[in-house]
Structures are given as structure tokens and as C-alpha cells.
């Protein structure tokens, strides 16, 4: 079994495959679970919307726009069983 990650890591090293992780937004002073989302965009003869990617907070209450965005991440661990600490 691999050792659990327990330290904040730079956001540049975070997984970008849809894995849910714990994100830290220093500007807002909040940690929240979320994931990296990539939108493939649209390409038709009548319309073009380029691909784009962004961080998504699981509660949909925080929007990151590139100005305010998470700057660190940590593995999201399952909760411990009651009474085990």
C-alpha cells in the first residue's frame, strides 16, 4: 500500500484526469474538494468554441476564473471511522 500524501503540493502537480482532490485557495482562505474539468469544445461548420479547462469545486459555490484559483492540493482521504481518530 502506498503512503498517503499528507502535505500540500503545488497546484501545477495536481492530477488533471477528473480525480477528486482537496484544493486550497489561499486568496479566499478555504479548502474544498474538487477536480479538473476539460471541456472538449465545439467544432461544427457553423460554430467553433475552443477546448478549455478549469478547476471545479464539488459544492459549485466557488468559481475560479484564473484570477482567484486554487494554488495547492492534497489527496482527498476517506473519512475515518467514528472513534478511531
C-alpha atoms as a PDB file:
ATOM      1  CA  UNK A   1       0.000   0.000   0.000  1.00  0.00           C
ATOM      2  CA  UNK A   2       1.351   3.434  -0.877  1.00  0.00           C
ATOM      3  CA  UNK A   3       1.998   6.079   1.728  1.00  0.00           C
ATOM      4  CA  UNK A   4      -0.761   8.706   1.892  1.00  0.00           C
ATOM      5  CA  UNK A   5       0.109  12.203   0.793  1.00  0.00           C
ATOM      6  CA  UNK A   6      -0.377  14.497   3.795  1.00  0.00           C
ATOM      7  CA  UNK A   7       1.309  17.726   2.683  1.00  0.00           C
ATOM      8  CA  UNK A   8       0.026  20.460   0.408  1.00  0.00           C
ATOM      9  CA  UNK A   9       1.542  20.235  -3.067  1.00  0.00           C
ATOM     10  CA  UNK A  10       1.848  22.957  -5.737  1.00  0.00           C
ATOM     11  CA  UNK A  11      -1.275  23.080  -7.912  1.00  0.00           C
ATOM     12  CA  UNK A  12       0.880  22.520 -11.008  1.00  0.00           C
ATOM     13  CA  UNK A  13       1.477  18.930  -9.813  1.00  0.00           C
ATOM     14  CA  UNK A  14      -2.229  18.111  -9.260  1.00  0.00           C
ATOM     15  CA  UNK A  15      -3.884  15.337 -11.274  1.00  0.00           C
ATOM     16  CA  UNK A  16      -5.820  16.602 -14.262  1.00  0.00           C
ATOM     17  CA  UNK A  17      -7.782  13.444 -15.001  1.00  0.00           C
ATOM     18  CA  UNK A  18     -11.001  14.178 -13.085  1.00  0.00           C
ATOM     19  CA  UNK A  19      -9.732  12.742  -9.785  1.00  0.00           C
ATOM     20  CA  UNK A  20     -11.378  14.448  -6.804  1.00  0.00           C
ATOM     21  CA  UNK A  21      -8.788  16.094  -4.571  1.00  0.00           C
ATOM     22  CA  UNK A  22      -8.647  18.657  -1.770  1.00  0.00           C
ATOM     23  CA  UNK A  23      -7.942  22.127  -3.186  1.00  0.00           C
ATOM     24  CA  UNK A  24      -6.582  25.105  -1.235  1.00  0.00           C
ATOM     25  CA  UNK A  25      -7.485  28.632  -2.326  1.00  0.00           C
ATOM     26  CA  UNK A  26      -5.133  30.913  -0.409  1.00  0.00           C
ATOM     27  CA  UNK A  27      -6.847  34.109  -1.572  1.00  0.00           C
ATOM     28  CA  UNK A  28     -10.158  33.015  -0.063  1.00  0.00           C
ATOM     29  CA  UNK A  29      -8.614  31.015   2.794  1.00  0.00           C
ATOM     30  CA  UNK A  30     -10.670  27.920   2.001  1.00  0.00           C
ATOM     31  CA  UNK A  31     -10.016  24.233   1.383  1.00  0.00           C
ATOM     32  CA  UNK A  32     -12.634  22.362  -0.638  1.00  0.00           C
ATOM     33  CA  UNK A  33     -12.857  19.165  -2.619  1.00  0.00           C
ATOM     34  CA  UNK A  34     -12.912  19.493  -6.369  1.00  0.00           C
ATOM     35  CA  UNK A  35     -11.492  18.275  -9.664  1.00  0.00           C
ATOM     36  CA  UNK A  36     -10.040  19.404 -13.011  1.00  0.00           C
ATOM     37  CA  UNK A  37     -12.563  19.523 -15.839  1.00  0.00           C
ATOM     38  CA  UNK A  38     -11.712  19.689 -19.524  1.00  0.00           C
ATOM     39  CA  UNK A  39     -14.370  20.750 -21.983  1.00  0.00           C
ATOM     40  CA  UNK A  40     -13.624  19.466 -25.493  1.00  0.00           C
ATOM     41  CA  UNK A  41     -15.199  22.493 -27.125  1.00  0.00           C
ATOM     42  CA  UNK A  42     -17.391  22.532 -30.215  1.00  0.00           C
ATOM     43  CA  UNK A  43     -16.300  22.364 -33.811  1.00  0.00           C
ATOM     44  CA  UNK A  44     -19.015  22.353 -36.452  1.00  0.00           C
ATOM     45  CA  UNK A  45     -19.251  24.075 -39.836  1.00  0.00           C
ATOM     46  CA  UNK A  46     -21.311  26.843 -38.180  1.00  0.00           C
ATOM     47  CA  UNK A  47     -19.707  27.162 -34.770  1.00  0.00           C
ATOM     48  CA  UNK A  48     -16.348  26.965 -33.058  1.00  0.00           C
ATOM     49  CA  UNK A  49     -15.846  27.011 -29.294  1.00  0.00           C
ATOM     50  CA  UNK A  50     -12.243  26.115 -28.416  1.00  0.00           C
ATOM     51  CA  UNK A  51     -11.415  23.468 -25.810  1.00  0.00           C
ATOM     52  CA  UNK A  52     -10.927  24.830 -22.298  1.00  0.00           C
ATOM     53  CA  UNK A  53     -10.144  23.519 -18.825  1.00  0.00           C
ATOM     54  CA  UNK A  54     -10.764  24.707 -15.283  1.00  0.00           C
ATOM     55  CA  UNK A  55     -10.969  23.668 -11.620  1.00  0.00           C
ATOM     56  CA  UNK A  56     -14.442  22.757 -10.353  1.00  0.00           C
ATOM     57  CA  UNK A  57     -15.380  22.897  -6.658  1.00  0.00           C
ATOM     58  CA  UNK A  58     -17.605  19.992  -5.614  1.00  0.00           C
ATOM     59  CA  UNK A  59     -20.137  22.310  -3.963  1.00  0.00           C
ATOM     60  CA  UNK A  60     -20.464  24.579  -7.034  1.00  0.00           C
ATOM     61  CA  UNK A  61     -20.337  27.609  -4.709  1.00  0.00           C
ATOM     62  CA  UNK A  62     -16.830  28.655  -5.669  1.00  0.00           C
ATOM     63  CA  UNK A  63     -15.958  29.752  -9.183  1.00  0.00           C
ATOM     64  CA  UNK A  64     -12.327  30.028 -10.162  1.00  0.00           C
ATOM     65  CA  UNK A  65     -11.642  32.364 -13.022  1.00  0.00           C
ATOM     66  CA  UNK A  66      -7.861  32.359 -13.333  1.00  0.00           C
ATOM     67  CA  UNK A  67      -7.546  35.389 -11.059  1.00  0.00           C
ATOM     68  CA  UNK A  68      -8.762  33.560  -7.979  1.00  0.00           C
ATOM     69  CA  UNK A  69      -7.854  29.922  -8.285  1.00  0.00           C
ATOM     70  CA  UNK A  70      -6.559  27.121  -6.079  1.00  0.00           C
ATOM     71  CA  UNK A  71      -2.834  27.254  -5.507  1.00  0.00           C
ATOM     72  CA  UNK A  72      -2.247  23.956  -3.656  1.00  0.00           C
ATOM     73  CA  UNK A  73      -3.730  20.478  -3.488  1.00  0.00           C
ATOM     74  CA  UNK A  74      -3.734  17.346  -1.344  1.00  0.00           C
ATOM     75  CA  UNK A  75      -5.078  13.830  -1.735  1.00  0.00           C
ATOM     76  CA  UNK A  76      -8.686  13.592  -0.589  1.00  0.00           C
ATOM     77  CA  UNK A  77      -8.794  10.850   2.042  1.00  0.00           C
ATOM     78  CA  UNK A  78     -11.913   8.950   3.045  1.00  0.00           C
ATOM     79  CA  UNK A  79     -13.251   9.845   6.491  1.00  0.00           C
ATOM     80  CA  UNK A  80     -12.001   7.823   9.445  1.00  0.00           C
ATOM     81  CA  UNK A  81     -14.384   5.512  11.259  1.00  0.00           C
ATOM     82  CA  UNK A  82     -16.036   7.026  14.304  1.00  0.00           C
ATOM     83  CA  UNK A  83     -13.921   6.525  17.405  1.00  0.00           C
ATOM     84  CA  UNK A  84     -10.719   5.650  15.501  1.00  0.00           C
ATOM     85  CA  UNK A  85      -9.396   9.113  15.256  1.00  0.00           C
END
